């Protein structure tokens, strides 16, 4: 039955075929949200993961510190407008690069490693593998390269065409942050306090610049061993601007933001648990990295696949 002029009712249709048609039309017009999957490139670029793994191993064998740098690069990417490789974009007429954010400038490293990997992947599968996925996989492979935890990386992210420089100042943690601020910041990204403590554990394979711990080793606080502080002062002068880039291993709560995790607060029990069980830490770290990789990815038709990770093309 058809609708006549002035009619206020829909035509009746109760047959199974008609019901199926209605359901099909409704579903086909609903937005489709693509999901990340570990097998995303199995058919479109089956050699991608081996290519990334080999390049990361080479980079870490040349400089062991690069392992921590690649993990941190992934972290700093995901915490600013999601895991979209926006951190890799250089300044241009339309882009204000996240590389210039206070928490990134002269601090975040590994850009050239990602650019090199992208070049290798493009040579075998042009226009297929995103920079965002390369960053995510490189972080996992970097951990494995230094005998750290491993995890299954879900794939299918696409690259942004925008930068989040203005967000970086508020969305990235600082070495001066309090425990409450850290818990709140990680919580805003869907990560628990336990995830935050586990992810902070990756600091143990990295190094910190003098400028990030100078105040801590010279303020004669009660939460730092005096002998440890004295040792660190040898290569970190008290004057700002003098030796700012000098490096020290991230150990014994060198950063204030690490020490607050074991200062009588809500995360003490987690830190103590990890100190007693490396198995628990490794498992939780892997789970937290997977959760972090799920932060606001661009999928489906959103974003692009950049040919060069540092520019929009």
C-alpha atoms as a PDB file:
ATOM      1  CA  UNK A   1       0.000   0.000   0.000  1.00  0.00           C
ATOM      2  CA  UNK A   2       1.358   3.432  -0.893  1.00  0.00           C
ATOM      3  CA  UNK A   3       0.989   6.718   0.962  1.00  0.00           C
ATOM      4  CA  UNK A   4      -1.684   9.069  -0.352  1.00  0.00           C
ATOM      5  CA  UNK A   5      -1.605  12.823  -0.184  1.00  0.00           C
ATOM      6  CA  UNK A   6      -2.327  13.952   3.350  1.00  0.00           C
ATOM      7  CA  UNK A   7      -1.796  10.466   4.785  1.00  0.00           C
ATOM      8  CA  UNK A   8       0.028  10.347   8.145  1.00  0.00           C
ATOM      9  CA  UNK A   9       0.824   6.648   8.275  1.00  0.00           C
ATOM     10  CA  UNK A  10       3.635   4.523   6.827  1.00  0.00           C
ATOM     11  CA  UNK A  11       2.721   1.598   4.582  1.00  0.00           C
ATOM     12  CA  UNK A  12       2.367  -1.629   6.541  1.00  0.00           C
ATOM     13  CA  UNK A  13       4.819  -4.437   5.854  1.00  0.00           C
ATOM     14  CA  UNK A  14       5.070  -7.398   8.199  1.00  0.00           C
ATOM     15  CA  UNK A  15       6.462 -10.096   5.921  1.00  0.00           C
ATOM     16  CA  UNK A  16       9.917 -11.565   6.841  1.00  0.00           C
ATOM     17  CA  UNK A  17      11.345 -10.288   3.557  1.00  0.00           C
ATOM     18  CA  UNK A  18      10.156  -6.760   4.228  1.00  0.00           C
ATOM     19  CA  UNK A  19      11.435  -6.792   7.823  1.00  0.00           C
ATOM     20  CA  UNK A  20      14.841  -7.983   6.576  1.00  0.00           C
ATOM     21  CA  UNK A  21      14.907  -5.167   4.013  1.00  0.00           C
ATOM     22  CA  UNK A  22      14.132  -2.544   6.639  1.00  0.00           C
ATOM     23  CA  UNK A  23      16.851  -3.851   8.987  1.00  0.00           C
ATOM     24  CA  UNK A  24      19.355  -3.983   6.136  1.00  0.00           C
ATOM     25  CA  UNK A  25      18.625  -0.400   5.116  1.00  0.00           C
ATOM     26  CA  UNK A  26      18.974   0.837   8.699  1.00  0.00           C
ATOM     27  CA  UNK A  27      22.265  -0.951   9.254  1.00  0.00           C
ATOM     28  CA  UNK A  28      23.710   0.076   5.908  1.00  0.00           C
ATOM     29  CA  UNK A  29      23.119   3.726   6.734  1.00  0.00           C
ATOM     30  CA  UNK A  30      24.734   3.551  10.170  1.00  0.00           C
ATOM     31  CA  UNK A  31      28.298   4.910  10.415  1.00  0.00           C
ATOM     32  CA  UNK A  32      30.890   2.144  10.315  1.00  0.00           C
ATOM     33  CA  UNK A  33      33.720   2.422  12.816  1.00  0.00           C
ATOM     34  CA  UNK A  34      36.792   0.553  11.631  1.00  0.00           C
ATOM     35  CA  UNK A  35      38.586  -1.488  14.259  1.00  0.00           C
ATOM     36  CA  UNK A  36      42.297  -1.935  14.812  1.00  0.00           C
ATOM     37  CA  UNK A  37      43.574  -5.448  14.187  1.00  0.00           C
ATOM     38  CA  UNK A  38      46.965  -7.184  14.503  1.00  0.00           C
ATOM     39  CA  UNK A  39      46.393  -8.703  11.044  1.00  0.00           C
ATOM     40  CA  UNK A  40      45.584  -5.431   9.291  1.00  0.00           C
ATOM     41  CA  UNK A  41      48.564  -5.626   6.886  1.00  0.00           C
ATOM     42  CA  UNK A  42      48.693  -9.409   6.452  1.00  0.00           C
ATOM     43  CA  UNK A  43      47.551  -9.179   2.837  1.00  0.00           C
ATOM     44  CA  UNK A  44      48.329  -5.597   1.860  1.00  0.00           C
ATOM     45  CA  UNK A  45      51.902  -5.488   3.179  1.00  0.00           C
ATOM     46  CA  UNK A  46      52.940  -8.852   4.661  1.00  0.00           C
ATOM     47  CA  UNK A  47      56.610  -7.825   4.978  1.00  0.00           C
ATOM     48  CA  UNK A  48      55.903  -4.645   6.912  1.00  0.00           C
ATOM     49  CA  UNK A  49      56.402  -5.976  10.432  1.00  0.00           C
ATOM     50  CA  UNK A  50      59.664  -7.765   9.637  1.00  0.00           C
ATOM     51  CA  UNK A  51      60.956  -4.638   7.916  1.00  0.00           C
ATOM     52  CA  UNK A  52      60.157  -2.491  10.957  1.00  0.00           C
ATOM     53  CA  UNK A  53      61.649  -5.030  13.367  1.00  0.00           C
ATOM     54  CA  UNK A  54      64.933  -5.260  11.467  1.00  0.00           C
ATOM     55  CA  UNK A  55      65.311  -1.474  11.280  1.00  0.00           C
ATOM     56  CA  UNK A  56      64.590  -1.037  14.989  1.00  0.00           C
ATOM     57  CA  UNK A  57      67.110  -3.711  15.935  1.00  0.00           C
ATOM     58  CA  UNK A  58      69.728  -1.952  13.831  1.00  0.00           C
ATOM     59  CA  UNK A  59      68.980   1.420  15.422  1.00  0.00           C
ATOM     60  CA  UNK A  60      69.085   0.055  18.974  1.00  0.00           C
ATOM     61  CA  UNK A  61      72.295  -1.893  18.301  1.00  0.00           C
ATOM     62  CA  UNK A  62      73.912   1.394  17.279  1.00  0.00           C
ATOM     63  CA  UNK A  63      72.590   3.243  20.324  1.00  0.00           C
ATOM     64  CA  UNK A  64      70.911   1.360  23.143  1.00  0.00           C
ATOM     65  CA  UNK A  65      69.284   4.536  24.432  1.00  0.00           C
ATOM     66  CA  UNK A  66      67.199   4.622  21.258  1.00  0.00           C
ATOM     67  CA  UNK A  67      64.991   1.865  22.679  1.00  0.00           C
ATOM     68  CA  UNK A  68      63.690   4.154  25.416  1.00  0.00           C
ATOM     69  CA  UNK A  69      63.445   7.030  22.940  1.00  0.00           C
ATOM     70  CA  UNK A  70      61.171   5.095  20.575  1.00  0.00           C
ATOM     71  CA  UNK A  71      58.888   4.011  23.407  1.00  0.00           C
ATOM     72  CA  UNK A  72      58.675   7.609  24.613  1.00  0.00           C
ATOM     73  CA  UNK A  73      57.994   8.844  21.077  1.00  0.00           C
ATOM     74  CA  UNK A  74      54.919   6.596  20.904  1.00  0.00           C
ATOM     75  CA  UNK A  75      53.786   7.826  24.318  1.00  0.00           C
ATOM     76  CA  UNK A  76      54.141  11.507  23.419  1.00  0.00           C
ATOM     77  CA  UNK A  77      52.324  10.908  20.137  1.00  0.00           C
ATOM     78  CA  UNK A  78      49.334   9.154  21.703  1.00  0.00           C
ATOM     79  CA  UNK A  79      48.838  11.657  24.523  1.00  0.00           C
ATOM     80  CA  UNK A  80      48.341  14.569  22.111  1.00  0.00           C
ATOM     81  CA  UNK A  81      45.210  14.182  19.946  1.00  0.00           C
ATOM     82  CA  UNK A  82      45.597  10.395  19.880  1.00  0.00           C
ATOM     83  CA  UNK A  83      47.971   7.901  18.243  1.00  0.00           C
ATOM     84  CA  UNK A  84      48.044   9.658  14.876  1.00  0.00           C
ATOM     85  CA  UNK A  85      51.728  10.423  14.179  1.00  0.00           C
ATOM     86  CA  UNK A  86      51.018  14.141  14.601  1.00  0.00           C
ATOM     87  CA  UNK A  87      54.222  14.462  16.617  1.00  0.00           C
ATOM     88  CA  UNK A  88      56.258  13.665  13.488  1.00  0.00           C
ATOM     89  CA  UNK A  89      55.070  16.660  11.466  1.00  0.00           C
ATOM     90  CA  UNK A  90      57.566  19.453  10.884  1.00  0.00           C
ATOM     91  CA  UNK A  91      56.741  23.153  10.926  1.00  0.00           C
ATOM     92  CA  UNK A  92      55.169  24.426   7.720  1.00  0.00           C
ATOM     93  CA  UNK A  93      52.822  27.149   6.540  1.00  0.00           C
ATOM     94  CA  UNK A  94      49.892  25.147   7.911  1.00  0.00           C
ATOM     95  CA  UNK A  95      51.522  23.192  10.749  1.00  0.00           C
ATOM     96  CA  UNK A  96      52.845  24.352  14.107  1.00  0.00           C
ATOM     97  CA  UNK A  97      54.923  21.322  14.997  1.00  0.00           C
ATOM     98  CA  UNK A  98      54.472  19.434  18.265  1.00  0.00           C
ATOM     99  CA  UNK A  99      58.237  18.941  18.166  1.00  0.00           C
ATOM    100  CA  UNK A 100      58.514  22.483  19.515  1.00  0.00           C
ATOM    101  CA  UNK A 101      56.348  21.855  22.583  1.00  0.00           C
ATOM    102  CA  UNK A 102      58.236  22.399  25.868  1.00  0.00           C
ATOM    103  CA  UNK A 103      58.040  18.705  26.802  1.00  0.00           C
ATOM    104  CA  UNK A 104      59.266  17.633  23.355  1.00  0.00           C
ATOM    105  CA  UNK A 105      61.847  20.206  22.281  1.00  0.00           C
ATOM    106  CA  UNK A 106      65.423  18.921  22.640  1.00  0.00           C
ATOM    107  CA  UNK A 107      63.958  15.944  24.481  1.00  0.00           C
ATOM    108  CA  UNK A 108      61.918  13.578  22.305  1.00  0.00           C
ATOM    109  CA  UNK A 109      64.118  11.599  19.930  1.00  0.00           C
ATOM    110  CA  UNK A 110      63.873   8.909  17.273  1.00  0.00           C
ATOM    111  CA  UNK A 111      62.311  10.918  14.469  1.00  0.00           C
ATOM    112  CA  UNK A 112      65.039   9.964  12.032  1.00  0.00           C
ATOM    113  CA  UNK A 113      64.627   6.278  12.886  1.00  0.00           C
ATOM    114  CA  UNK A 114      60.924   6.431  12.036  1.00  0.00           C
ATOM    115  CA  UNK A 115      61.668   8.333   8.816  1.00  0.00           C
ATOM    116  CA  UNK A 116      64.165   5.644   7.830  1.00  0.00           C
ATOM    117  CA  UNK A 117      61.688   2.852   8.559  1.00  0.00           C
ATOM    118  CA  UNK A 118      58.967   4.626   6.591  1.00  0.00           C
ATOM    119  CA  UNK A 119      61.275   4.880   3.596  1.00  0.00           C
ATOM    120  CA  UNK A 120      61.976   1.144   3.735  1.00  0.00           C
ATOM    121  CA  UNK A 121      58.310   0.239   4.096  1.00  0.00           C
ATOM    122  CA  UNK A 122      57.286   2.588   1.276  1.00  0.00           C
ATOM    123  CA  UNK A 123      59.770   0.844  -1.022  1.00  0.00           C
ATOM    124  CA  UNK A 124      57.928  -2.463  -0.630  1.00  0.00           C
ATOM    125  CA  UNK A 125      54.337  -1.270  -0.071  1.00  0.00           C
ATOM    126  CA  UNK A 126      53.799   2.298  -1.306  1.00  0.00           C
ATOM    127  CA  UNK A 127      50.988   4.183   0.380  1.00  0.00           C
ATOM    128  CA  UNK A 128      49.843   1.322   2.613  1.00  0.00           C
ATOM    129  CA  UNK A 129      51.394   1.476   6.079  1.00  0.00           C
ATOM    130  CA  UNK A 130      50.771   4.557   8.216  1.00  0.00           C
ATOM    131  CA  UNK A 131      53.398   6.428  10.159  1.00  0.00           C
ATOM    132  CA  UNK A 132      51.194   6.060  13.249  1.00  0.00           C
ATOM    133  CA  UNK A 133      51.369   2.268  12.991  1.00  0.00           C
ATOM    134  CA  UNK A 134      55.119   2.375  12.394  1.00  0.00           C
ATOM    135  CA  UNK A 135      55.568   4.375  15.614  1.00  0.00           C
ATOM    136  CA  UNK A 136      53.417   1.878  17.535  1.00  0.00           C
ATOM    137  CA  UNK A 137      55.221  -1.189  16.198  1.00  0.00           C
ATOM    138  CA  UNK A 138      58.653   0.415  16.644  1.00  0.00           C
ATOM    139  CA  UNK A 139      57.903   0.987  20.337  1.00  0.00           C
ATOM    140  CA  UNK A 140      57.134  -2.702  20.842  1.00  0.00           C
ATOM    141  CA  UNK A 141      60.169  -3.820  18.854  1.00  0.00           C
ATOM    142  CA  UNK A 142      62.380  -1.396  20.780  1.00  0.00           C
ATOM    143  CA  UNK A 143      61.279  -2.942  24.069  1.00  0.00           C
ATOM    144  CA  UNK A 144      61.995  -6.434  22.764  1.00  0.00           C
ATOM    145  CA  UNK A 145      65.400  -5.326  21.453  1.00  0.00           C
ATOM    146  CA  UNK A 146      66.538  -4.615  25.021  1.00  0.00           C
ATOM    147  CA  UNK A 147      64.938  -7.768  26.464  1.00  0.00           C
ATOM    148  CA  UNK A 148      61.873  -5.900  27.690  1.00  0.00           C
ATOM    149  CA  UNK A 149      58.216  -6.956  27.553  1.00  0.00           C
ATOM    150  CA  UNK A 150      56.465  -7.712  24.286  1.00  0.00           C
ATOM    151  CA  UNK A 151      52.846  -7.300  23.279  1.00  0.00           C
ATOM    152  CA  UNK A 152      50.595  -7.676  20.265  1.00  0.00           C
ATOM    153  CA  UNK A 153      50.249  -4.389  18.402  1.00  0.00           C
ATOM    154  CA  UNK A 154      46.859  -3.693  16.895  1.00  0.00           C
ATOM    155  CA  UNK A 155      47.118  -2.001  13.505  1.00  0.00           C
ATOM    156  CA  UNK A 156      45.062   0.089  11.137  1.00  0.00           C
ATOM    157  CA  UNK A 157      45.741   3.609  12.425  1.00  0.00           C
ATOM    158  CA  UNK A 158      45.900   6.428   9.921  1.00  0.00           C
ATOM    159  CA  UNK A 159      47.914   9.632  10.012  1.00  0.00           C
ATOM    160  CA  UNK A 160      46.599  13.046  10.992  1.00  0.00           C
ATOM    161  CA  UNK A 161      46.789  16.130   8.826  1.00  0.00           C
ATOM    162  CA  UNK A 162      46.871  18.425  11.848  1.00  0.00           C
ATOM    163  CA  UNK A 163      49.213  19.113  14.731  1.00  0.00           C
ATOM    164  CA  UNK A 164      48.344  19.433  18.401  1.00  0.00           C
ATOM    165  CA  UNK A 165      51.000  21.859  19.577  1.00  0.00           C
ATOM    166  CA  UNK A 166      48.536  23.787  21.730  1.00  0.00           C
ATOM    167  CA  UNK A 167      47.432  20.541  23.428  1.00  0.00           C
ATOM    168  CA  UNK A 168      50.949  19.330  24.145  1.00  0.00           C
ATOM    169  CA  UNK A 169      51.485  21.801  26.986  1.00  0.00           C
ATOM    170  CA  UNK A 170      48.539  20.408  28.953  1.00  0.00           C
ATOM    171  CA  UNK A 171      48.304  16.801  27.750  1.00  0.00           C
ATOM    172  CA  UNK A 172      51.883  15.696  28.358  1.00  0.00           C
ATOM    173  CA  UNK A 173      53.126  14.967  31.889  1.00  0.00           C
ATOM    174  CA  UNK A 174      55.939  17.022  33.371  1.00  0.00           C
ATOM    175  CA  UNK A 175      58.868  15.824  35.464  1.00  0.00           C
ATOM    176  CA  UNK A 176      57.591  18.219  38.158  1.00  0.00           C
ATOM    177  CA  UNK A 177      54.043  16.799  38.299  1.00  0.00           C
ATOM    178  CA  UNK A 178      52.447  15.692  41.566  1.00  0.00           C
ATOM    179  CA  UNK A 179      50.931  12.244  41.984  1.00  0.00           C
ATOM    180  CA  UNK A 180      47.388  13.613  41.852  1.00  0.00           C
ATOM    181  CA  UNK A 181      48.108  15.457  38.623  1.00  0.00           C
ATOM    182  CA  UNK A 182      49.668  12.360  37.035  1.00  0.00           C
ATOM    183  CA  UNK A 183      46.744  10.148  38.032  1.00  0.00           C
ATOM    184  CA  UNK A 184      44.292  12.719  36.669  1.00  0.00           C
ATOM    185  CA  UNK A 185      46.176  13.173  33.398  1.00  0.00           C
ATOM    186  CA  UNK A 186      46.490   9.460  32.701  1.00  0.00           C
ATOM    187  CA  UNK A 187      42.880   8.960  33.726  1.00  0.00           C
ATOM    188  CA  UNK A 188      41.785  11.496  31.112  1.00  0.00           C
ATOM    189  CA  UNK A 189      43.341   9.180  28.518  1.00  0.00           C
ATOM    190  CA  UNK A 190      41.539   6.106  29.798  1.00  0.00           C
ATOM    191  CA  UNK A 191      44.551   4.803  31.700  1.00  0.00           C
ATOM    192  CA  UNK A 192      44.435   3.762  35.352  1.00  0.00           C
ATOM    193  CA  UNK A 193      46.896   4.606  38.115  1.00  0.00           C
ATOM    194  CA  UNK A 194      48.250   1.082  37.720  1.00  0.00           C
ATOM    195  CA  UNK A 195      48.769   1.674  33.993  1.00  0.00           C
ATOM    196  CA  UNK A 196      50.561   4.920  34.837  1.00  0.00           C
ATOM    197  CA  UNK A 197      52.965   3.236  37.262  1.00  0.00           C
ATOM    198  CA  UNK A 198      53.652   0.412  34.804  1.00  0.00           C
ATOM    199  CA  UNK A 199      54.356   2.814  31.936  1.00  0.00           C
ATOM    200  CA  UNK A 200      56.646   4.860  34.172  1.00  0.00           C
ATOM    201  CA  UNK A 201      58.706   1.705  34.588  1.00  0.00           C
ATOM    202  CA  UNK A 202      60.055   2.192  31.065  1.00  0.00           C
ATOM    203  CA  UNK A 203      62.121   5.057  32.495  1.00  0.00           C
ATOM    204  CA  UNK A 204      64.533   2.461  33.869  1.00  0.00           C
ATOM    205  CA  UNK A 205      65.986   1.852  30.396  1.00  0.00           C
ATOM    206  CA  UNK A 206      66.293   5.549  29.597  1.00  0.00           C
ATOM    207  CA  UNK A 207      68.333   8.558  30.588  1.00  0.00           C
ATOM    208  CA  UNK A 208      67.367  12.027  31.792  1.00  0.00           C
ATOM    209  CA  UNK A 209      68.854  15.429  31.011  1.00  0.00           C
ATOM    210  CA  UNK A 210      70.354  17.466  33.830  1.00  0.00           C
ATOM    211  CA  UNK A 211      67.756  20.196  33.352  1.00  0.00           C
ATOM    212  CA  UNK A 212      64.993  17.751  34.375  1.00  0.00           C
ATOM    213  CA  UNK A 213      66.515  16.735  37.711  1.00  0.00           C
ATOM    214  CA  UNK A 214      68.753  19.678  38.696  1.00  0.00           C
ATOM    215  CA  UNK A 215      66.301  21.088  41.242  1.00  0.00           C
ATOM    216  CA  UNK A 216      65.858  17.684  42.821  1.00  0.00           C
ATOM    217  CA  UNK A 217      69.546  16.982  43.458  1.00  0.00           C
ATOM    218  CA  UNK A 218      70.264  20.460  44.818  1.00  0.00           C
ATOM    219  CA  UNK A 219      67.241  21.147  47.034  1.00  0.00           C
ATOM    220  CA  UNK A 220      68.463  18.843  49.854  1.00  0.00           C
ATOM    221  CA  UNK A 221      65.086  17.123  50.054  1.00  0.00           C
ATOM    222  CA  UNK A 222      64.421  14.255  52.431  1.00  0.00           C
ATOM    223  CA  UNK A 223      63.115  11.973  49.666  1.00  0.00           C
ATOM    224  CA  UNK A 224      66.462  11.563  47.880  1.00  0.00           C
ATOM    225  CA  UNK A 225      69.570   9.736  49.078  1.00  0.00           C
ATOM    226  CA  UNK A 226      72.303  12.280  49.792  1.00  0.00           C
ATOM    227  CA  UNK A 227      75.044  10.095  48.337  1.00  0.00           C
ATOM    228  CA  UNK A 228      73.032   9.544  45.171  1.00  0.00           C
ATOM    229  CA  UNK A 229      72.365  13.274  44.843  1.00  0.00           C
ATOM    230  CA  UNK A 230      76.051  14.048  45.353  1.00  0.00           C
ATOM    231  CA  UNK A 231      77.014  11.605  42.595  1.00  0.00           C
ATOM    232  CA  UNK A 232      74.570  13.166  40.159  1.00  0.00           C
ATOM    233  CA  UNK A 233      75.866  16.679  40.909  1.00  0.00           C
ATOM    234  CA  UNK A 234      79.254  15.773  39.435  1.00  0.00           C
ATOM    235  CA  UNK A 235      77.840  15.981  35.912  1.00  0.00           C
ATOM    236  CA  UNK A 236      74.945  18.339  36.519  1.00  0.00           C
ATOM    237  CA  UNK A 237      76.113  21.827  37.571  1.00  0.00           C
ATOM    238  CA  UNK A 238      73.827  23.926  39.740  1.00  0.00           C
ATOM    239  CA  UNK A 239      73.669  26.869  37.338  1.00  0.00           C
ATOM    240  CA  UNK A 240      70.832  26.872  34.807  1.00  0.00           C
ATOM    241  CA  UNK A 241      72.134  26.750  31.264  1.00  0.00           C
ATOM    242  CA  UNK A 242      75.327  24.967  32.331  1.00  0.00           C
ATOM    243  CA  UNK A 243      75.302  21.294  31.354  1.00  0.00           C
ATOM    244  CA  UNK A 244      71.541  21.204  30.805  1.00  0.00           C
ATOM    245  CA  UNK A 245      71.851  18.386  28.273  1.00  0.00           C
ATOM    246  CA  UNK A 246      74.190  16.207  30.351  1.00  0.00           C
ATOM    247  CA  UNK A 247      72.675  12.754  30.787  1.00  0.00           C
ATOM    248  CA  UNK A 248      72.209  10.444  33.762  1.00  0.00           C
ATOM    249  CA  UNK A 249      70.558   7.006  34.053  1.00  0.00           C
ATOM    250  CA  UNK A 250      66.950   7.118  35.216  1.00  0.00           C
ATOM    251  CA  UNK A 251      67.264   5.301  38.525  1.00  0.00           C
ATOM    252  CA  UNK A 252      66.397   5.676  42.214  1.00  0.00           C
ATOM    253  CA  UNK A 253      63.611   8.152  41.577  1.00  0.00           C
ATOM    254  CA  UNK A 254      65.877  10.636  39.824  1.00  0.00           C
ATOM    255  CA  UNK A 255      62.878  12.512  38.449  1.00  0.00           C
ATOM    256  CA  UNK A 256      60.448  14.050  40.903  1.00  0.00           C
ATOM    257  CA  UNK A 257      57.559  12.596  38.877  1.00  0.00           C
ATOM    258  CA  UNK A 258      58.988   9.112  39.487  1.00  0.00           C
ATOM    259  CA  UNK A 259      59.653   9.644  43.187  1.00  0.00           C
ATOM    260  CA  UNK A 260      56.051  10.676  43.872  1.00  0.00           C
ATOM    261  CA  UNK A 261      54.976   7.165  42.888  1.00  0.00           C
ATOM    262  CA  UNK A 262      56.605   5.912  46.114  1.00  0.00           C
ATOM    263  CA  UNK A 263      56.105   8.696  48.622  1.00  0.00           C
ATOM    264  CA  UNK A 264      53.408   7.446  50.931  1.00  0.00           C
ATOM    265  CA  UNK A 265      50.610   7.869  48.389  1.00  0.00           C
ATOM    266  CA  UNK A 266      48.070   5.653  46.662  1.00  0.00           C
ATOM    267  CA  UNK A 267      50.581   4.075  44.256  1.00  0.00           C
ATOM    268  CA  UNK A 268      53.093   2.856  46.853  1.00  0.00           C
ATOM    269  CA  UNK A 269      51.575  -0.616  46.910  1.00  0.00           C
ATOM    270  CA  UNK A 270      51.817  -0.923  43.121  1.00  0.00           C
ATOM    271  CA  UNK A 271      55.486   0.081  43.076  1.00  0.00           C
ATOM    272  CA  UNK A 272      56.239  -2.398  45.863  1.00  0.00           C
ATOM    273  CA  UNK A 273      54.352  -5.127  44.024  1.00  0.00           C
ATOM    274  CA  UNK A 274      56.375  -4.558  40.863  1.00  0.00           C
ATOM    275  CA  UNK A 275      59.637  -4.521  42.816  1.00  0.00           C
ATOM    276  CA  UNK A 276      58.817  -8.008  44.074  1.00  0.00           C
ATOM    277  CA  UNK A 277      57.499  -9.472  40.812  1.00  0.00           C
ATOM    278  CA  UNK A 278      59.094  -8.712  37.482  1.00  0.00           C
ATOM    279  CA  UNK A 279      56.545 -11.023  35.859  1.00  0.00           C
ATOM    280  CA  UNK A 280      53.679  -8.870  37.116  1.00  0.00           C
ATOM    281  CA  UNK A 281      55.369  -5.685  35.955  1.00  0.00           C
ATOM    282  CA  UNK A 282      56.100  -7.036  32.478  1.00  0.00           C
ATOM    283  CA  UNK A 283      52.520  -8.233  32.070  1.00  0.00           C
ATOM    284  CA  UNK A 284      51.030  -4.949  33.267  1.00  0.00           C
ATOM    285  CA  UNK A 285      53.423  -2.892  31.155  1.00  0.00           C
ATOM    286  CA  UNK A 286      52.419  -4.827  28.029  1.00  0.00           C
ATOM    287  CA  UNK A 287      48.722  -4.384  28.813  1.00  0.00           C
ATOM    288  CA  UNK A 288      49.186  -0.661  29.429  1.00  0.00           C
ATOM    289  CA  UNK A 289      51.018  -0.212  26.119  1.00  0.00           C
ATOM    290  CA  UNK A 290      48.141  -1.891  24.275  1.00  0.00           C
ATOM    291  CA  UNK A 291      45.641   0.399  26.023  1.00  0.00           C
ATOM    292  CA  UNK A 292      47.764   3.443  25.217  1.00  0.00           C
ATOM    293  CA  UNK A 293      47.876   2.439  21.561  1.00  0.00           C
ATOM    294  CA  UNK A 294      44.074   2.551  21.531  1.00  0.00           C
ATOM    295  CA  UNK A 295      43.889   6.258  22.400  1.00  0.00           C
ATOM    296  CA  UNK A 296      41.793   8.026  19.757  1.00  0.00           C
ATOM    297  CA  UNK A 297      43.227   6.421  16.605  1.00  0.00           C
ATOM    298  CA  UNK A 298      42.149   7.637  13.181  1.00  0.00           C
ATOM    299  CA  UNK A 299      40.685   4.705  11.260  1.00  0.00           C
ATOM    300  CA  UNK A 300      38.650   3.923   8.168  1.00  0.00           C
ATOM    301  CA  UNK A 301      38.407   6.992   5.950  1.00  0.00           C
ATOM    302  CA  UNK A 302      39.661   9.410   8.621  1.00  0.00           C
ATOM    303  CA  UNK A 303      43.155  10.799   8.218  1.00  0.00           C
ATOM    304  CA  UNK A 304      45.619   9.827   5.504  1.00  0.00           C
ATOM    305  CA  UNK A 305      48.598   7.570   4.829  1.00  0.00           C
ATOM    306  CA  UNK A 306      51.554   9.929   4.611  1.00  0.00           C
ATOM    307  CA  UNK A 307      54.298   9.119   2.111  1.00  0.00           C
ATOM    308  CA  UNK A 308      56.803  10.987   4.282  1.00  0.00           C
ATOM    309  CA  UNK A 309      56.121  11.045   7.998  1.00  0.00           C
ATOM    310  CA  UNK A 310      57.282  14.625   8.591  1.00  0.00           C
ATOM    311  CA  UNK A 311      55.067  16.321   6.019  1.00  0.00           C
ATOM    312  CA  UNK A 312      51.509  16.163   4.724  1.00  0.00           C
ATOM    313  CA  UNK A 313      51.523  15.016   1.137  1.00  0.00           C
END
